[in-house]
N, C-alpha and C. Protein backbone atom coordinates (compact mmCIF):
# COMPACT_ATOMS: atom_id res chain seq x y z
N UNK A 1 8.49 14.76 37.53
CA UNK A 1 9.21 14.74 36.54
C UNK A 1 9.40 16.19 35.96
N UNK A 2 10.74 16.67 35.42
CA UNK A 2 10.97 17.78 34.42
C UNK A 2 10.45 17.56 33.09
N UNK A 3 9.65 18.23 32.45
CA UNK A 3 9.12 18.30 31.07
C UNK A 3 9.34 19.66 30.49
N UNK A 4 9.58 19.65 29.30
CA UNK A 4 9.32 20.59 28.63
C UNK A 4 8.97 20.53 27.16
N UNK A 5 8.26 21.46 26.60
CA UNK A 5 7.93 21.13 24.99
C UNK A 5 8.42 22.37 23.99
N UNK A 6 9.05 22.09 23.19
CA UNK A 6 9.44 22.87 21.99
C UNK A 6 9.28 22.47 20.77
N UNK A 7 9.31 23.42 19.76
CA UNK A 7 9.37 23.32 18.18
C UNK A 7 10.43 24.54 17.91
N UNK A 8 11.41 24.14 17.07
CA UNK A 8 12.66 24.87 16.69
C UNK A 8 12.56 25.16 15.45
N UNK A 9 12.83 26.30 14.88
CA UNK A 9 13.02 26.53 13.13
C UNK A 9 14.41 27.21 12.98
N UNK A 10 15.22 26.88 12.27
CA UNK A 10 16.58 27.45 11.93
C UNK A 10 16.30 28.21 10.85
N UNK A 11 17.50 28.92 10.19
CA UNK A 11 17.17 29.63 9.15
C UNK A 11 17.23 28.94 7.88
N UNK A 12 17.22 27.95 7.51
CA UNK A 12 16.73 27.20 6.36
C UNK A 12 15.53 26.70 6.38
N UNK A 13 14.47 27.17 7.27
CA UNK A 13 13.03 26.77 7.44
C UNK A 13 12.98 25.44 7.60
N UNK A 14 14.03 24.87 8.39
CA UNK A 14 14.03 23.48 8.52
C UNK A 14 13.11 23.32 10.27
N UNK A 15 12.08 22.82 10.66
CA UNK A 15 11.50 22.83 11.68
C UNK A 15 11.70 21.31 12.44
N UNK A 16 12.25 21.85 13.73
CA UNK A 16 12.36 20.57 14.65
C UNK A 16 10.85 19.90 14.98
N UNK A 17 10.55 18.68 14.95
CA UNK A 17 9.37 18.54 15.19
C UNK A 17 8.84 18.78 16.58
N UNK A 18 7.47 18.89 16.81
CA UNK A 18 7.17 19.07 18.49
C UNK A 18 7.66 17.72 19.15
N UNK A 19 7.89 18.09 20.49
CA UNK A 19 8.66 17.13 21.45
C UNK A 19 8.25 17.48 22.85
N UNK A 20 8.55 16.41 23.44
CA UNK A 20 8.44 16.50 24.81
C UNK A 20 9.79 15.84 25.28
N UNK A 21 10.50 16.87 26.38
CA UNK A 21 11.56 16.58 27.06
C UNK A 21 11.33 16.04 28.34
N UNK A 22 11.92 14.91 28.67
CA UNK A 22 11.45 14.05 29.65
C UNK A 22 13.08 14.05 30.55
N UNK A 23 13.23 15.03 31.44
CA UNK A 23 14.77 15.26 31.76
C UNK A 23 14.89 14.29 32.89
N UNK A 24 14.05 13.98 33.37
CA UNK A 24 14.42 12.93 34.80
C UNK A 24 14.85 11.56 34.13
N UNK A 25 14.33 10.96 33.07
CA UNK A 25 14.71 9.68 32.44
C UNK A 25 15.67 10.19 31.17
N UNK A 26 16.06 11.25 31.11
CA UNK A 26 16.56 11.81 29.75
C UNK A 26 16.27 11.12 28.35
N UNK A 27 15.11 11.38 28.12
CA UNK A 27 14.30 10.87 26.93
C UNK A 27 13.76 12.07 26.71
N UNK A 28 13.71 12.16 25.06
CA UNK A 28 12.85 13.57 24.33
C UNK A 28 11.80 12.35 23.32
N UNK A 29 10.52 12.88 23.32
CA UNK A 29 9.71 12.28 22.41
C UNK A 29 9.36 13.45 21.37
N UNK A 30 9.30 12.76 19.92
CA UNK A 30 9.36 13.78 18.84
C UNK A 30 8.10 12.83 18.35
N UNK A 31 6.84 14.29 18.13
CA UNK A 31 5.71 13.86 17.00
C UNK A 31 6.06 13.83 15.63
N UNK A 32 5.98 13.01 14.99
CA UNK A 32 5.96 13.08 13.41
C UNK A 32 4.59 12.18 12.67
N UNK A 33 3.81 13.13 12.02
CA UNK A 33 2.44 12.50 11.71
C UNK A 33 2.87 11.44 10.68
N UNK A 34 1.98 10.71 10.42
CA UNK A 34 2.35 9.57 9.30
C UNK A 34 2.29 10.09 8.01
N UNK A 35 1.88 11.32 7.61
CA UNK A 35 2.03 11.99 6.33
C UNK A 35 3.50 12.59 6.10
N UNK A 36 4.11 12.78 7.15
CA UNK A 36 5.40 13.53 6.87
C UNK A 36 6.58 12.45 6.31
N UNK A 37 6.99 13.12 4.93
CA UNK A 37 7.83 12.12 4.08
C UNK A 37 9.25 12.45 4.41
N UNK A 38 9.60 13.31 5.48
CA UNK A 38 11.02 13.97 5.65
C UNK A 38 11.66 12.30 6.40
N UNK A 39 12.72 11.93 6.26
CA UNK A 39 13.53 11.02 6.86
C UNK A 39 13.77 11.75 8.55
N UNK A 40 13.27 10.59 9.52
CA UNK A 40 13.56 11.31 10.88
C UNK A 40 15.00 11.27 11.12
N UNK A 41 15.38 12.16 11.97
CA UNK A 41 16.83 12.57 12.12
C UNK A 41 16.96 12.93 13.70
N UNK A 42 16.68 12.04 14.43
CA UNK A 42 16.80 12.04 15.98
C UNK A 42 18.00 12.65 16.42
N UNK A 43 19.42 12.36 15.78
CA UNK A 43 20.67 13.04 16.31
C UNK A 43 20.56 14.46 16.06
N UNK A 44 20.11 14.73 14.53
CA UNK A 44 20.25 16.25 14.60
C UNK A 44 19.47 16.93 15.60
N UNK A 45 17.94 16.49 15.75
CA UNK A 45 17.02 17.31 16.31
C UNK A 45 17.56 17.52 18.01
N UNK A 46 18.18 16.26 18.72
CA UNK A 46 18.62 16.53 19.94
C UNK A 46 19.82 17.44 20.00
N UNK A 47 20.42 17.48 19.04
CA UNK A 47 21.72 18.28 19.00
C UNK A 47 21.01 19.84 18.90
N UNK A 48 20.30 20.36 17.92
CA UNK A 48 19.52 21.49 17.92
C UNK A 48 18.87 21.65 19.37
N UNK A 49 18.36 20.92 20.03
CA UNK A 49 17.86 21.40 21.29
C UNK A 49 18.84 21.36 22.63
N UNK A 50 20.01 21.11 22.18
CA UNK A 50 21.20 20.84 22.93
C UNK A 50 20.73 20.24 24.16
N UNK A 51 20.56 18.81 23.87
CA UNK A 51 20.20 17.95 24.97
C UNK A 51 20.98 16.49 24.49
N UNK A 52 22.08 16.46 24.96
CA UNK A 52 22.95 15.28 24.76
C UNK A 52 22.99 14.33 25.49
N UNK A 53 23.06 13.08 25.32
CA UNK A 53 22.74 12.13 25.81
C UNK A 53 21.56 11.73 26.39
N UNK A 54 20.51 12.12 25.58
CA UNK A 54 19.03 11.73 25.73
C UNK A 54 18.68 10.77 24.69
N UNK A 55 17.72 10.13 24.80
CA UNK A 55 17.34 8.81 24.17
C UNK A 55 16.16 9.55 23.32
N UNK A 56 16.26 9.26 22.12
CA UNK A 56 14.70 10.11 21.19
C UNK A 56 14.13 9.05 20.99
N UNK A 57 12.81 9.31 20.92
CA UNK A 57 11.68 8.53 20.36
C UNK A 57 10.83 9.15 19.54
N UNK A 58 9.89 8.46 18.67
CA UNK A 58 9.10 9.00 17.93
C UNK A 58 7.97 8.35 18.13
N UNK A 59 6.85 9.36 17.86
CA UNK A 59 5.37 8.98 18.14
C UNK A 59 4.76 9.45 16.90
N UNK A 60 3.74 8.58 16.17
CA UNK A 60 3.10 8.80 14.96
C UNK A 60 1.67 9.29 15.47
N UNK A 61 1.05 8.93 16.51
CA UNK A 61 0.06 9.28 16.69
C UNK A 61 0.05 10.63 17.86
N UNK A 62 -0.77 11.68 16.97
CA UNK A 62 -1.13 12.89 17.61
C UNK A 62 -1.74 12.77 18.94
N UNK A 63 -2.63 11.96 18.77
CA UNK A 63 -3.41 11.87 20.10
C UNK A 63 -2.62 11.65 21.29
N UNK A 64 -1.97 10.45 20.97
CA UNK A 64 -0.82 9.77 22.05
C UNK A 64 -0.02 10.92 22.59
N UNK A 65 0.46 11.59 21.53
CA UNK A 65 1.49 12.81 21.79
C UNK A 65 0.79 13.74 22.73
N UNK A 66 -0.38 14.11 22.38
CA UNK A 66 -1.17 15.35 23.31
C UNK A 66 -1.57 14.61 24.44
N UNK A 67 -1.99 13.45 24.57
CA UNK A 67 -2.10 12.88 26.00
C UNK A 67 -0.99 12.73 27.01
N UNK A 68 0.37 12.80 26.21
CA UNK A 68 1.64 12.74 26.99
C UNK A 68 2.06 13.85 27.37
N UNK A 69 1.61 14.98 26.65
CA UNK A 69 1.86 16.47 26.74
C UNK A 69 1.27 16.75 27.88
N UNK A 70 -0.17 16.25 27.99
CA UNK A 70 -1.05 17.06 29.10
C UNK A 70 -1.21 16.18 30.17
N UNK A 71 -0.21 14.96 30.40
CA UNK A 71 -0.34 14.12 31.39
C UNK A 71 0.21 14.58 32.66
N UNK A 72 -0.68 15.03 33.77
CA UNK A 72 -0.24 15.52 35.08
C UNK A 72 0.63 14.80 35.93
N UNK A 73 1.09 13.66 35.45
CA UNK A 73 1.95 12.87 36.16
C UNK A 73 3.58 13.00 35.95
N UNK A 74 3.46 13.51 34.57
CA UNK A 74 4.76 13.98 33.99
C UNK A 74 5.41 15.24 34.78
N UNK A 75 4.70 15.83 34.99
CA UNK A 75 5.26 17.42 35.85
C UNK A 75 4.71 18.33 34.82
N UNK A 76 5.21 19.62 35.31
CA UNK A 76 4.76 20.94 34.77
C UNK A 76 5.47 21.04 33.44
N UNK A 77 4.53 21.53 32.59
CA UNK A 77 5.07 21.75 31.07
C UNK A 77 5.78 23.21 31.12
N UNK A 78 7.02 23.22 30.64
CA UNK A 78 7.84 24.76 30.85
C UNK A 78 7.54 25.35 29.59
């Protein structure tokens, strides 16, 4: 399975949350801590990542996000 992880910043100091892109299943998993007070905007994030037609998911557990990120069965990390 193709997998890539990114964090992106634009000129307004807005940061796209850490994410894992699963190209085979056309899904992107975003990590947002429970302390984050910003309203999630999955449509904006997928647009910024230039991945249209992908299903966006949010994980609030850093432990689970890191386990997914390091899971060898998901494929190589780009």
